[in-house]
Amino acid sequence: MDRDLRGHRLAVGLTRFPEDGAAWAAAGAELEEDQVLTSSSPPRRTPVPDGYTVRRLDGDDWERYIARELAENLRTGEYAPEEHERFTRARTVSQRELSDRDAAAFFGAFHGERLVADLGIVRCGERARYQSVGTDVDHRGRGLASHLLGVAAAWAGERGCRQWVIVTESDNPAGRVYRRAGFAPDATNAQAYRPPPR
């Protein structure tokens, strides 16, 4: 790399994972390898776990969606809270616009009125791509993500989608959930990114 990028945000898609990441590290960038998983049949809808309700996000649910994202960031400390809230609110505006146009849908699992798991799915022609799959740490392992995968797949299938795609970090334990749901490895992506200040 021929210029100092340490003072700037950085996100670069790479054609392959670098053998030597020293130049990226010197620029303050981290390397990540993602796995693209696909399925030509929709993941089956597993039963909703007892004590939960599931619905498409609408109205006040979007504020619950933002609150869940911000709470998760406070738990992990991954991003600076103020900057992450600005990012999350701006991204949610875009997601809500896609949902209002029926180009995407976002679904949540609720424990009472508390949103504890959610995901989105975006239609790209005959492909449906999952977005932002997440479950609160104290509600994991109960089958919420598996159920939501099936709910979202049915929504996309009813609108003509014939292939389902999900991208996850190669070392993400959630990959096991996706494989059990019928997804198989298709390709890998690599990226270099400079995260915002913590």
N, C-alpha and C. Protein backbone atom coordinates (compact mmCIF):
# COMPACT_ATOMS: atom_id res chain seq x y z
N MET A 1 0.86 -1.18 0.00
CA MET A 1 0.00 0.00 0.00
C MET A 1 0.90 1.23 0.00
N ASP A 2 0.53 2.20 -0.79
CA ASP A 2 1.43 3.34 -0.95
C ASP A 2 0.95 4.61 -0.27
N ARG A 3 -0.11 4.54 0.54
CA ARG A 3 -0.47 5.72 1.29
C ARG A 3 -1.00 5.36 2.65
N ASP A 4 -0.81 6.26 3.57
CA ASP A 4 -1.19 6.01 4.96
C ASP A 4 -2.69 6.20 5.11
N LEU A 5 -3.39 5.13 5.47
CA LEU A 5 -4.84 5.17 5.60
C LEU A 5 -5.29 5.12 7.05
N ARG A 6 -4.35 5.25 7.99
CA ARG A 6 -4.71 5.07 9.39
C ARG A 6 -5.72 6.10 9.90
N GLY A 7 -5.79 7.27 9.30
CA GLY A 7 -6.73 8.28 9.78
C GLY A 7 -8.06 8.25 9.06
N HIS A 8 -8.30 7.26 8.23
CA HIS A 8 -9.51 7.23 7.42
C HIS A 8 -10.25 5.91 7.60
N ARG A 9 -11.56 5.95 7.36
CA ARG A 9 -12.32 4.69 7.32
C ARG A 9 -11.90 3.94 6.07
N LEU A 10 -11.98 2.63 6.17
CA LEU A 10 -11.50 1.81 5.06
C LEU A 10 -12.33 0.54 4.97
N ALA A 11 -12.80 0.23 3.79
CA ALA A 11 -13.46 -1.06 3.53
C ALA A 11 -13.16 -1.42 2.09
N VAL A 12 -12.43 -2.51 1.90
CA VAL A 12 -11.99 -2.90 0.57
C VAL A 12 -12.32 -4.37 0.35
N GLY A 13 -13.06 -4.67 -0.70
CA GLY A 13 -13.31 -6.06 -1.08
C GLY A 13 -12.10 -6.61 -1.81
N LEU A 14 -11.71 -7.83 -1.48
CA LEU A 14 -10.53 -8.45 -2.07
C LEU A 14 -10.94 -9.69 -2.87
N THR A 15 -10.18 -9.98 -3.90
CA THR A 15 -10.49 -11.16 -4.72
C THR A 15 -10.10 -12.45 -4.04
N ARG A 16 -9.17 -12.39 -3.09
CA ARG A 16 -8.77 -13.57 -2.32
C ARG A 16 -8.19 -13.10 -0.99
N PHE A 17 -8.11 -14.01 -0.06
CA PHE A 17 -7.55 -13.67 1.25
C PHE A 17 -6.03 -13.55 1.11
N PRO A 18 -5.43 -12.44 1.55
CA PRO A 18 -3.98 -12.25 1.37
C PRO A 18 -3.16 -13.26 2.16
N GLU A 19 -2.05 -13.73 1.54
CA GLU A 19 -1.14 -14.62 2.26
C GLU A 19 -0.39 -13.86 3.34
N ASP A 20 -0.08 -12.59 3.07
CA ASP A 20 0.63 -11.75 4.04
C ASP A 20 -0.19 -10.49 4.27
N GLY A 21 -0.71 -10.34 5.47
CA GLY A 21 -1.54 -9.18 5.77
C GLY A 21 -0.81 -8.03 6.41
N ALA A 22 0.53 -8.03 6.37
CA ALA A 22 1.31 -7.01 7.08
C ALA A 22 1.01 -5.60 6.57
N ALA A 23 0.87 -5.43 5.26
CA ALA A 23 0.61 -4.09 4.72
C ALA A 23 -0.75 -3.57 5.19
N TRP A 24 -1.72 -4.47 5.24
CA TRP A 24 -3.05 -4.06 5.72
C TRP A 24 -2.99 -3.70 7.20
N ALA A 25 -2.28 -4.51 7.97
CA ALA A 25 -2.16 -4.24 9.41
C ALA A 25 -1.47 -2.90 9.65
N ALA A 26 -0.46 -2.58 8.83
CA ALA A 26 0.25 -1.31 8.98
C ALA A 26 -0.68 -0.13 8.71
N ALA A 27 -1.71 -0.34 7.91
CA ALA A 27 -2.69 0.72 7.62
C ALA A 27 -3.81 0.74 8.65
N GLY A 28 -3.70 -0.11 9.66
CA GLY A 28 -4.73 -0.15 10.69
C GLY A 28 -5.95 -0.95 10.29
N ALA A 29 -5.80 -1.80 9.27
CA ALA A 29 -6.93 -2.57 8.76
C ALA A 29 -6.90 -4.00 9.29
N GLU A 30 -8.08 -4.57 9.44
CA GLU A 30 -8.22 -5.97 9.83
C GLU A 30 -8.71 -6.75 8.61
N LEU A 31 -8.31 -8.01 8.53
CA LEU A 31 -8.73 -8.86 7.42
C LEU A 31 -9.82 -9.81 7.90
N GLU A 32 -10.77 -10.07 7.01
CA GLU A 32 -11.87 -10.96 7.35
C GLU A 32 -12.19 -11.81 6.14
N GLU A 33 -12.43 -13.09 6.39
CA GLU A 33 -12.85 -14.00 5.31
C GLU A 33 -14.27 -14.43 5.59
N ASP A 34 -15.12 -14.26 4.61
CA ASP A 34 -16.52 -14.64 4.73
C ASP A 34 -16.82 -15.82 3.83
N GLN A 35 -17.78 -16.62 4.27
CA GLN A 35 -18.22 -17.75 3.46
C GLN A 35 -19.61 -17.46 2.93
N VAL A 36 -19.78 -17.66 1.64
CA VAL A 36 -21.08 -17.51 0.99
C VAL A 36 -21.75 -18.89 0.98
N LEU A 37 -22.90 -18.98 1.61
CA LEU A 37 -23.66 -20.23 1.67
C LEU A 37 -24.94 -20.06 0.86
N THR A 38 -25.29 -21.06 0.08
CA THR A 38 -26.48 -20.97 -0.75
C THR A 38 -27.34 -22.22 -0.62
N SER A 39 -28.60 -22.07 -0.99
CA SER A 39 -29.52 -23.20 -1.04
C SER A 39 -30.51 -22.97 -2.17
N SER A 40 -30.79 -24.02 -2.92
CA SER A 40 -31.77 -23.90 -4.01
C SER A 40 -33.18 -24.27 -3.54
N SER A 41 -33.29 -24.62 -2.28
CA SER A 41 -34.62 -24.84 -1.70
C SER A 41 -34.71 -24.04 -0.41
N PRO A 42 -35.89 -23.54 -0.10
CA PRO A 42 -36.01 -22.70 1.09
C PRO A 42 -35.80 -23.50 2.36
N PRO A 43 -35.10 -22.91 3.34
CA PRO A 43 -34.99 -23.58 4.64
C PRO A 43 -36.39 -23.84 5.20
N ARG A 44 -36.59 -25.02 5.75
CA ARG A 44 -37.92 -25.31 6.28
C ARG A 44 -38.19 -24.46 7.50
N ARG A 45 -39.45 -24.19 7.72
CA ARG A 45 -39.84 -23.39 8.87
C ARG A 45 -39.97 -24.31 10.08
N THR A 46 -39.06 -24.17 11.02
CA THR A 46 -39.14 -24.94 12.26
C THR A 46 -40.20 -24.31 13.16
N PRO A 47 -40.70 -25.05 14.14
CA PRO A 47 -41.71 -24.47 15.04
C PRO A 47 -41.15 -23.28 15.81
N VAL A 48 -42.02 -22.32 16.08
CA VAL A 48 -41.59 -21.20 16.92
C VAL A 48 -41.44 -21.70 18.34
N PRO A 49 -40.33 -21.40 19.01
CA PRO A 49 -40.14 -21.88 20.38
C PRO A 49 -41.23 -21.34 21.32
N ASP A 50 -41.55 -22.13 22.32
CA ASP A 50 -42.56 -21.73 23.31
C ASP A 50 -42.17 -20.42 23.98
N GLY A 51 -43.18 -19.56 24.18
CA GLY A 51 -42.97 -18.31 24.87
C GLY A 51 -42.60 -17.14 23.98
N TYR A 52 -42.54 -17.37 22.66
CA TYR A 52 -42.14 -16.33 21.72
C TYR A 52 -43.23 -16.12 20.67
N THR A 53 -43.30 -14.92 20.15
CA THR A 53 -44.13 -14.63 18.98
C THR A 53 -43.23 -14.07 17.90
N VAL A 54 -43.63 -14.26 16.66
CA VAL A 54 -42.82 -13.81 15.52
C VAL A 54 -43.70 -12.99 14.60
N ARG A 55 -43.16 -11.88 14.13
CA ARG A 55 -43.90 -11.06 13.17
C ARG A 55 -42.93 -10.25 12.33
N ARG A 56 -43.46 -9.77 11.21
CA ARG A 56 -42.69 -8.85 10.37
C ARG A 56 -42.62 -7.50 11.08
N LEU A 57 -41.45 -6.88 11.06
CA LEU A 57 -41.28 -5.60 11.74
C LEU A 57 -42.11 -4.52 11.07
N ASP A 58 -42.74 -3.70 11.90
CA ASP A 58 -43.59 -2.62 11.42
C ASP A 58 -43.77 -1.62 12.55
N GLY A 59 -44.07 -0.38 12.21
CA GLY A 59 -44.41 0.62 13.22
C GLY A 59 -43.34 0.75 14.29
N ASP A 60 -43.76 0.62 15.57
CA ASP A 60 -42.85 0.78 16.70
C ASP A 60 -41.78 -0.30 16.76
N ASP A 61 -41.97 -1.38 16.02
CA ASP A 61 -40.96 -2.45 16.03
C ASP A 61 -39.59 -1.94 15.57
N TRP A 62 -39.58 -0.94 14.69
CA TRP A 62 -38.30 -0.44 14.19
C TRP A 62 -37.48 0.21 15.30
N GLU A 63 -38.14 0.88 16.24
CA GLU A 63 -37.41 1.44 17.39
C GLU A 63 -36.90 0.32 18.28
N ARG A 64 -37.66 -0.76 18.41
CA ARG A 64 -37.19 -1.92 19.18
C ARG A 64 -35.98 -2.54 18.48
N TYR A 65 -36.00 -2.56 17.17
CA TYR A 65 -34.89 -3.08 16.37
C TYR A 65 -33.63 -2.27 16.63
N ILE A 66 -33.75 -0.95 16.60
CA ILE A 66 -32.61 -0.08 16.89
C ILE A 66 -32.12 -0.30 18.31
N ALA A 67 -33.05 -0.35 19.27
CA ALA A 67 -32.67 -0.52 20.67
C ALA A 67 -31.93 -1.84 20.88
N ARG A 68 -32.37 -2.91 20.21
CA ARG A 68 -31.68 -4.19 20.36
C ARG A 68 -30.26 -4.12 19.82
N GLU A 69 -30.10 -3.47 18.67
CA GLU A 69 -28.78 -3.32 18.06
C GLU A 69 -27.85 -2.50 18.97
N LEU A 70 -28.36 -1.42 19.53
CA LEU A 70 -27.53 -0.57 20.39
C LEU A 70 -27.17 -1.29 21.68
N ALA A 71 -28.10 -2.04 22.24
CA ALA A 71 -27.82 -2.80 23.46
C ALA A 71 -26.76 -3.87 23.21
N GLU A 72 -26.82 -4.52 22.07
CA GLU A 72 -25.81 -5.53 21.74
C GLU A 72 -24.44 -4.89 21.60
N ASN A 73 -24.38 -3.70 21.00
CA ASN A 73 -23.10 -3.03 20.87
C ASN A 73 -22.55 -2.61 22.23
N LEU A 74 -23.42 -2.17 23.14
CA LEU A 74 -22.95 -1.84 24.49
C LEU A 74 -22.42 -3.08 25.20
N ARG A 75 -23.06 -4.23 24.95
CA ARG A 75 -22.60 -5.47 25.57
C ARG A 75 -21.21 -5.86 25.07
N THR A 76 -21.00 -5.75 23.74
CA THR A 76 -19.73 -6.20 23.16
C THR A 76 -18.65 -5.12 23.19
N GLY A 77 -19.07 -3.85 23.22
CA GLY A 77 -18.09 -2.76 23.15
C GLY A 77 -17.39 -2.67 21.81
N GLU A 78 -18.02 -3.19 20.77
CA GLU A 78 -17.36 -3.26 19.46
C GLU A 78 -17.16 -1.89 18.83
N TYR A 79 -18.13 -0.99 18.96
CA TYR A 79 -18.04 0.33 18.33
C TYR A 79 -18.32 1.42 19.34
N ALA A 80 -17.83 2.62 19.03
CA ALA A 80 -18.13 3.78 19.86
C ALA A 80 -19.64 4.01 19.84
N PRO A 81 -20.29 4.11 21.02
CA PRO A 81 -21.75 4.14 21.07
C PRO A 81 -22.41 5.25 20.24
N GLU A 82 -21.90 6.48 20.31
CA GLU A 82 -22.56 7.58 19.59
C GLU A 82 -22.47 7.38 18.08
N GLU A 83 -21.30 7.00 17.62
CA GLU A 83 -21.13 6.79 16.19
C GLU A 83 -21.96 5.60 15.71
N HIS A 84 -22.00 4.55 16.52
CA HIS A 84 -22.77 3.38 16.13
C HIS A 84 -24.26 3.69 16.09
N GLU A 85 -24.74 4.52 17.01
CA GLU A 85 -26.16 4.87 16.97
C GLU A 85 -26.49 5.64 15.70
N ARG A 86 -25.63 6.57 15.30
CA ARG A 86 -25.88 7.31 14.04
C ARG A 86 -25.93 6.35 12.86
N PHE A 87 -24.95 5.44 12.81
CA PHE A 87 -24.91 4.46 11.73
C PHE A 87 -26.16 3.58 11.73
N THR A 88 -26.53 3.08 12.91
CA THR A 88 -27.68 2.17 13.02
C THR A 88 -28.97 2.85 12.60
N ARG A 89 -29.16 4.08 13.04
CA ARG A 89 -30.38 4.80 12.67
C ARG A 89 -30.44 5.07 11.17
N ALA A 90 -29.31 5.45 10.56
CA ALA A 90 -29.29 5.69 9.12
C ALA A 90 -29.54 4.40 8.34
N ARG A 91 -28.92 3.31 8.78
CA ARG A 91 -29.12 2.02 8.10
C ARG A 91 -30.57 1.57 8.23
N THR A 92 -31.16 1.80 9.39
CA THR A 92 -32.55 1.37 9.61
C THR A 92 -33.51 2.14 8.71
N VAL A 93 -33.23 3.41 8.45
CA VAL A 93 -34.07 4.17 7.51
C VAL A 93 -34.07 3.48 6.15
N SER A 94 -32.88 3.07 5.67
CA SER A 94 -32.79 2.38 4.38
C SER A 94 -33.50 1.04 4.41
N GLN A 95 -33.33 0.29 5.50
CA GLN A 95 -33.98 -1.01 5.60
C GLN A 95 -35.50 -0.86 5.62
N ARG A 96 -35.97 0.14 6.33
CA ARG A 96 -37.42 0.34 6.41
C ARG A 96 -37.99 0.75 5.06
N GLU A 97 -37.24 1.57 4.30
CA GLU A 97 -37.70 1.95 2.95
C GLU A 97 -37.79 0.73 2.05
N LEU A 98 -36.79 -0.16 2.12
CA LEU A 98 -36.83 -1.39 1.32
C LEU A 98 -38.03 -2.25 1.73
N SER A 99 -38.28 -2.32 3.02
CA SER A 99 -39.42 -3.11 3.51
C SER A 99 -40.74 -2.50 3.05
N ASP A 100 -40.85 -1.18 3.12
CA ASP A 100 -42.09 -0.52 2.69
C ASP A 100 -42.37 -0.76 1.20
N ARG A 101 -41.30 -0.93 0.40
CA ARG A 101 -41.46 -1.20 -1.04
C ARG A 101 -41.62 -2.69 -1.32
N ASP A 102 -41.56 -3.52 -0.29
CA ASP A 102 -41.65 -4.97 -0.41
C ASP A 102 -40.48 -5.56 -1.19
N ALA A 103 -39.36 -4.82 -1.25
CA ALA A 103 -38.13 -5.35 -1.83
C ALA A 103 -37.36 -6.15 -0.79
N ALA A 104 -37.73 -5.98 0.47
CA ALA A 104 -37.11 -6.69 1.58
C ALA A 104 -38.15 -6.85 2.68
N ALA A 105 -37.83 -7.71 3.62
CA ALA A 105 -38.68 -7.85 4.80
C ALA A 105 -37.78 -8.16 5.98
N PHE A 106 -38.15 -7.64 7.13
CA PHE A 106 -37.40 -7.88 8.37
C PHE A 106 -38.36 -8.48 9.38
N PHE A 107 -37.92 -9.55 10.00
CA PHE A 107 -38.76 -10.30 10.92
C PHE A 107 -38.12 -10.34 12.29
N GLY A 108 -38.96 -10.36 13.33
CA GLY A 108 -38.44 -10.41 14.68
C GLY A 108 -39.14 -11.45 15.52
N ALA A 109 -38.39 -11.98 16.49
CA ALA A 109 -38.95 -12.86 17.51
C ALA A 109 -39.04 -12.03 18.79
N PHE A 110 -40.20 -12.07 19.41
CA PHE A 110 -40.47 -11.25 20.59
C PHE A 110 -40.73 -12.13 21.80
N HIS A 111 -40.17 -11.71 22.91
CA HIS A 111 -40.45 -12.34 24.21
C HIS A 111 -41.24 -11.30 24.98
N GLY A 112 -42.55 -11.47 25.05
CA GLY A 112 -43.41 -10.36 25.47
C GLY A 112 -43.36 -9.30 24.38
N GLU A 113 -43.05 -8.08 24.75
CA GLU A 113 -42.89 -7.02 23.75
C GLU A 113 -41.43 -6.71 23.47
N ARG A 114 -40.54 -7.50 24.04
CA ARG A 114 -39.10 -7.28 23.84
C ARG A 114 -38.63 -8.05 22.60
N LEU A 115 -38.02 -7.34 21.67
CA LEU A 115 -37.44 -7.96 20.48
C LEU A 115 -36.13 -8.62 20.89
N VAL A 116 -36.02 -9.93 20.67
CA VAL A 116 -34.84 -10.66 21.14
C VAL A 116 -34.06 -11.32 20.00
N ALA A 117 -34.63 -11.38 18.82
CA ALA A 117 -33.94 -11.94 17.65
C ALA A 117 -34.56 -11.35 16.40
N ASP A 118 -33.75 -11.17 15.38
CA ASP A 118 -34.28 -10.62 14.13
C ASP A 118 -33.36 -10.96 12.97
N LEU A 119 -33.91 -10.80 11.81
CA LEU A 119 -33.14 -10.91 10.57
C LEU A 119 -33.92 -10.24 9.45
N GLY A 120 -33.21 -9.96 8.38
CA GLY A 120 -33.84 -9.41 7.19
C GLY A 120 -33.56 -10.30 6.00
N ILE A 121 -34.34 -10.09 4.95
CA ILE A 121 -34.10 -10.79 3.69
C ILE A 121 -34.43 -9.82 2.57
N VAL A 122 -33.55 -9.75 1.56
CA VAL A 122 -33.68 -8.81 0.46
C VAL A 122 -33.82 -9.60 -0.83
N ARG A 123 -34.78 -9.21 -1.66
CA ARG A 123 -34.98 -9.86 -2.96
C ARG A 123 -34.06 -9.24 -3.99
N CYS A 124 -33.30 -10.07 -4.68
CA CYS A 124 -32.40 -9.64 -5.77
C CYS A 124 -32.73 -10.51 -6.97
N GLY A 125 -33.75 -10.14 -7.71
CA GLY A 125 -34.22 -11.00 -8.80
C GLY A 125 -34.77 -12.29 -8.21
N GLU A 126 -34.25 -13.42 -8.68
CA GLU A 126 -34.69 -14.71 -8.15
C GLU A 126 -33.87 -15.16 -6.95
N ARG A 127 -32.95 -14.32 -6.51
CA ARG A 127 -32.15 -14.62 -5.32
C ARG A 127 -32.70 -13.86 -4.13
N ALA A 128 -32.61 -14.49 -2.98
CA ALA A 128 -32.98 -13.83 -1.73
C ALA A 128 -31.76 -13.87 -0.82
N ARG A 129 -31.34 -12.71 -0.34
CA ARG A 129 -30.13 -12.64 0.49
C ARG A 129 -30.51 -12.21 1.90
N TYR A 130 -30.11 -13.04 2.86
CA TYR A 130 -30.37 -12.73 4.26
C TYR A 130 -29.46 -11.59 4.73
N GLN A 131 -29.97 -10.81 5.68
CA GLN A 131 -29.25 -9.67 6.23
C GLN A 131 -29.35 -9.68 7.75
N SER A 132 -28.28 -9.28 8.40
CA SER A 132 -28.30 -8.89 9.82
C SER A 132 -29.00 -9.90 10.72
N VAL A 133 -28.53 -11.13 10.71
CA VAL A 133 -29.11 -12.15 11.58
C VAL A 133 -28.54 -11.96 12.98
N GLY A 134 -29.40 -11.86 13.98
CA GLY A 134 -28.91 -11.68 15.34
C GLY A 134 -29.90 -12.15 16.38
N THR A 135 -29.36 -12.69 17.48
CA THR A 135 -30.17 -13.13 18.62
C THR A 135 -29.50 -12.68 19.90
N ASP A 136 -30.26 -12.12 20.81
CA ASP A 136 -29.72 -11.72 22.11
C ASP A 136 -29.06 -12.92 22.78
N VAL A 137 -27.96 -12.65 23.46
CA VAL A 137 -27.14 -13.72 24.02
C VAL A 137 -27.93 -14.61 24.98
N ASP A 138 -28.87 -14.04 25.75
CA ASP A 138 -29.62 -14.86 26.71
C ASP A 138 -30.82 -15.57 26.08
N HIS A 139 -30.97 -15.48 24.76
CA HIS A 139 -32.06 -16.20 24.07
C HIS A 139 -31.51 -17.12 22.97
N ARG A 140 -30.21 -17.31 22.94
CA ARG A 140 -29.60 -18.18 21.93
C ARG A 140 -29.79 -19.65 22.29
N GLY A 141 -29.67 -20.49 21.27
CA GLY A 141 -29.76 -21.92 21.48
C GLY A 141 -31.18 -22.44 21.65
N ARG A 142 -32.17 -21.63 21.31
CA ARG A 142 -33.56 -22.04 21.48
C ARG A 142 -34.27 -22.27 20.15
N GLY A 143 -33.58 -22.05 19.04
CA GLY A 143 -34.18 -22.28 17.74
C GLY A 143 -34.81 -21.05 17.11
N LEU A 144 -34.56 -19.86 17.66
CA LEU A 144 -35.18 -18.65 17.11
C LEU A 144 -34.64 -18.34 15.71
N ALA A 145 -33.31 -18.40 15.54
CA ALA A 145 -32.74 -18.10 14.23
C ALA A 145 -33.24 -19.09 13.18
N SER A 146 -33.29 -20.37 13.54
CA SER A 146 -33.78 -21.38 12.58
C SER A 146 -35.21 -21.09 12.16
N HIS A 147 -36.05 -20.73 13.12
CA HIS A 147 -37.44 -20.41 12.80
C HIS A 147 -37.52 -19.18 11.89
N LEU A 148 -36.76 -18.13 12.22
CA LEU A 148 -36.80 -16.91 11.41
C LEU A 148 -36.28 -17.14 10.00
N LEU A 149 -35.26 -18.00 9.84
CA LEU A 149 -34.77 -18.33 8.50
C LEU A 149 -35.90 -18.88 7.64
N GLY A 150 -36.71 -19.78 8.22
CA GLY A 150 -37.82 -20.37 7.47
C GLY A 150 -38.91 -19.38 7.16
N VAL A 151 -39.24 -18.51 8.12
CA VAL A 151 -40.28 -17.49 7.91
C VAL A 151 -39.87 -16.57 6.76
N ALA A 152 -38.62 -16.09 6.80
CA ALA A 152 -38.15 -15.18 5.75
C ALA A 152 -38.06 -15.88 4.40
N ALA A 153 -37.64 -17.15 4.40
CA ALA A 153 -37.54 -17.90 3.15
C ALA A 153 -38.91 -18.04 2.49
N ALA A 154 -39.93 -18.31 3.29
CA ALA A 154 -41.28 -18.44 2.73
C ALA A 154 -41.75 -17.13 2.12
N TRP A 155 -41.45 -16.01 2.80
CA TRP A 155 -41.83 -14.70 2.27
C TRP A 155 -41.18 -14.48 0.90
N ALA A 156 -39.89 -14.79 0.79
CA ALA A 156 -39.18 -14.58 -0.48
C ALA A 156 -39.66 -15.55 -1.55
N GLY A 157 -39.93 -16.80 -1.17
CA GLY A 157 -40.40 -17.78 -2.13
C GLY A 157 -41.75 -17.40 -2.72
N GLU A 158 -42.61 -16.81 -1.90
CA GLU A 158 -43.92 -16.35 -2.39
C GLU A 158 -43.78 -15.22 -3.40
N ARG A 159 -42.61 -14.59 -3.44
CA ARG A 159 -42.37 -13.47 -4.36
C ARG A 159 -41.42 -13.86 -5.49
N GLY A 160 -41.28 -15.15 -5.74
CA GLY A 160 -40.56 -15.64 -6.92
C GLY A 160 -39.10 -15.99 -6.72
N CYS A 161 -38.59 -15.93 -5.51
CA CYS A 161 -37.18 -16.28 -5.30
C CYS A 161 -36.99 -17.79 -5.38
N ARG A 162 -35.87 -18.18 -5.97
CA ARG A 162 -35.58 -19.59 -6.17
C ARG A 162 -34.22 -19.99 -5.61
N GLN A 163 -33.48 -19.03 -5.07
CA GLN A 163 -32.20 -19.34 -4.43
C GLN A 163 -32.07 -18.46 -3.20
N TRP A 164 -31.55 -19.05 -2.13
CA TRP A 164 -31.39 -18.34 -0.86
C TRP A 164 -29.91 -18.27 -0.53
N VAL A 165 -29.44 -17.08 -0.13
CA VAL A 165 -28.02 -16.82 0.08
C VAL A 165 -27.82 -16.21 1.45
N ILE A 166 -26.80 -16.66 2.15
CA ILE A 166 -26.42 -16.05 3.43
C ILE A 166 -24.89 -16.00 3.48
N VAL A 167 -24.36 -14.88 3.96
CA VAL A 167 -22.91 -14.70 4.06
C VAL A 167 -22.57 -14.58 5.54
N THR A 168 -21.56 -15.32 5.96
CA THR A 168 -21.16 -15.29 7.36
C THR A 168 -19.64 -15.40 7.45
N GLU A 169 -19.08 -14.90 8.55
CA GLU A 169 -17.65 -15.04 8.76
C GLU A 169 -17.31 -16.53 8.80
N SER A 170 -16.17 -16.86 8.22
CA SER A 170 -15.79 -18.28 8.12
C SER A 170 -15.72 -18.97 9.47
N ASP A 171 -15.38 -18.21 10.53
CA ASP A 171 -15.24 -18.82 11.86
C ASP A 171 -16.46 -18.58 12.76
N ASN A 172 -17.58 -18.13 12.17
CA ASN A 172 -18.77 -17.84 12.97
C ASN A 172 -19.49 -19.15 13.31
N PRO A 173 -19.70 -19.43 14.62
CA PRO A 173 -20.41 -20.66 14.99
C PRO A 173 -21.82 -20.75 14.39
N ALA A 174 -22.43 -19.61 14.04
CA ALA A 174 -23.77 -19.63 13.44
C ALA A 174 -23.79 -20.39 12.12
N GLY A 175 -22.62 -20.56 11.50
CA GLY A 175 -22.56 -21.32 10.26
C GLY A 175 -23.16 -22.71 10.40
N ARG A 176 -23.04 -23.30 11.59
CA ARG A 176 -23.62 -24.63 11.82
C ARG A 176 -25.14 -24.58 11.71
N VAL A 177 -25.73 -23.51 12.23
CA VAL A 177 -27.19 -23.35 12.14
C VAL A 177 -27.61 -23.28 10.67
N TYR A 178 -26.86 -22.51 9.88
CA TYR A 178 -27.20 -22.34 8.47
C TYR A 178 -27.05 -23.64 7.69
N ARG A 179 -26.01 -24.41 8.01
CA ARG A 179 -25.82 -25.70 7.32
C ARG A 179 -26.94 -26.68 7.68
N ARG A 180 -27.33 -26.69 8.95
CA ARG A 180 -28.45 -27.57 9.35
C ARG A 180 -29.73 -27.17 8.63
N ALA A 181 -29.85 -25.90 8.28
CA ALA A 181 -31.06 -25.42 7.59
C ALA A 181 -31.02 -25.74 6.10
N GLY A 182 -29.91 -26.30 5.61
CA GLY A 182 -29.83 -26.71 4.20
C GLY A 182 -28.89 -25.90 3.34
N PHE A 183 -28.19 -24.93 3.93
CA PHE A 183 -27.24 -24.14 3.15
C PHE A 183 -25.92 -24.89 2.99
N ALA A 184 -25.27 -24.70 1.83
CA ALA A 184 -23.99 -25.33 1.56
C ALA A 184 -23.00 -24.27 1.09
N PRO A 185 -21.70 -24.45 1.39
CA PRO A 185 -20.70 -23.48 0.93
C PRO A 185 -20.70 -23.34 -0.58
N ASP A 186 -20.62 -22.11 -1.04
CA ASP A 186 -20.63 -21.81 -2.48
C ASP A 186 -19.36 -21.09 -2.90
N ALA A 187 -18.90 -20.14 -2.06
CA ALA A 187 -17.72 -19.34 -2.40
C ALA A 187 -17.23 -18.67 -1.13
N THR A 188 -16.07 -18.02 -1.23
CA THR A 188 -15.57 -17.22 -0.11
C THR A 188 -15.34 -15.80 -0.59
N ASN A 189 -15.52 -14.87 0.31
CA ASN A 189 -15.22 -13.46 0.07
C ASN A 189 -14.16 -13.04 1.07
N ALA A 190 -13.36 -12.05 0.72
CA ALA A 190 -12.39 -11.50 1.66
C ALA A 190 -12.52 -9.99 1.64
N GLN A 191 -12.25 -9.39 2.76
CA GLN A 191 -12.25 -7.93 2.82
C GLN A 191 -11.25 -7.45 3.85
N ALA A 192 -10.77 -6.23 3.59
CA ALA A 192 -9.94 -5.53 4.56
C ALA A 192 -10.76 -4.35 5.03
N TYR A 193 -10.79 -4.13 6.33
CA TYR A 193 -11.57 -3.01 6.83
C TYR A 193 -10.88 -2.38 8.02
N ARG A 194 -11.08 -1.11 8.14
CA ARG A 194 -10.59 -0.38 9.31
C ARG A 194 -11.81 -0.03 10.14
N PRO A 195 -11.99 -0.70 11.29
CA PRO A 195 -13.19 -0.43 12.08
C PRO A 195 -13.16 0.97 12.66
N PRO A 196 -14.34 1.52 12.95
CA PRO A 196 -14.38 2.84 13.58
C PRO A 196 -13.79 2.76 14.98
N PRO A 197 -13.42 3.90 15.56
CA PRO A 197 -12.83 3.88 16.90
C PRO A 197 -13.78 3.23 17.90
N ARG A 198 -13.22 2.50 18.88
CA ARG A 198 -14.04 1.87 19.92
C ARG A 198 -14.21 2.84 21.06
